[in-house]
Amino acid sequence: MATLLKWVVPWEFSWVFLATFLLACVLYLRGSRRSRVGLARQLAFWAGMAIIYLSLHTYLDYYAEHEFFVHRLQQLLLHHLAPLLIVAAYPAGTLRAGLPLHWRARVLRPLQRSWPWRLTMGVLLNPTVATLLFVIFVLIWLIPPLQTLAMLDWRVYRFMNWTMLISGFAYWSLVLDHRPHPPGRMLAGMRVLSPVITMSPQILAGAIVTFSKTDLYPIFEICGRAFTFNVLTGQLIGGLITWVPAAMIETIGGLMALRLWLDLSRRGRLSRRQPVRPVAQPSAVANP
């Protein structure tokens, strides 16, 4: 029992995370009772939420701070797998249904109509911005000086985790959008192609870390490593996690987007450009 509690008790407790997590859980429970949500969607949502909690608010976070390959596993779960599962459950309508009616009318609607909200969503969910941030936040935290800063300052460490999670949600919400374009923000074909584009620099970065013969992240030695095996072995495993499982998850995401594209095409919901017809010129009237 003591061993089990060790894994459940947070390594670094966060009221902000716990309140946000519990609010999302309560809203989804209320919403799923008011609207019809399939079992597969519910399982995907709760699996994603469980992964987020295990990654950020259990003893696994200790190992992520003291071993490079566990840290890369944590980032993979936060950036790739958990957002993909939750977005695939399409929880927005369910969460909205979980809000009391007067909250929706007096809080949610004015918030969504306000210019700060529209500006934030317009930038964050812009296909180019979301795609760039999705890749950048993987690569930038692999830079050794920034990785060292994140391990030494808890504020930077939490900022790093939140950037990975938020950029993952923004990106996958565009790729797995089940609507045609417009109103969807990304072209249906681009949703399929985008994961191929984004995985390429991540594969390259993972390969560089994997085949490096020097310790790129000595900060984990300074903090005290959680395991006793060779430093380069742990770095190799971390590079492989950044390389292979990340590419596999993005491939799955691309296949899911392809399935949605084919479904839109089968139902005739893809926009088709109308052929441009020449404007008939008025015939000249002969002078009498």
Foldseek 3Di string as FASTA:
>chain_A
DVVVVQFQAFPDDDPVVVVVLVLQVQLLVQLCVVDPFDPQLVVLLVVLSVLLCSLHGTCLVVQLLQFPQSVLVSLCSQQFRSLLSNLLSVCPNSSLSSDPPVCCVPPVVVQCVDPVNCVVCCQCLQQVNLLVLSQCLVPVCVQQVLVLVLSVDVVSVVVSSVSSNSSNNSNLNLLLPLAAPVVRNDHLVCSLVSLVVSLVVLQVQLVCQQPDPDQSHCSSVVVHHPDDDDRSVSSNSNSVSSHPPSSVSSNVSSVSSVVSSVVCVVVVRYDDDDDDDDDDDDDDDDDD
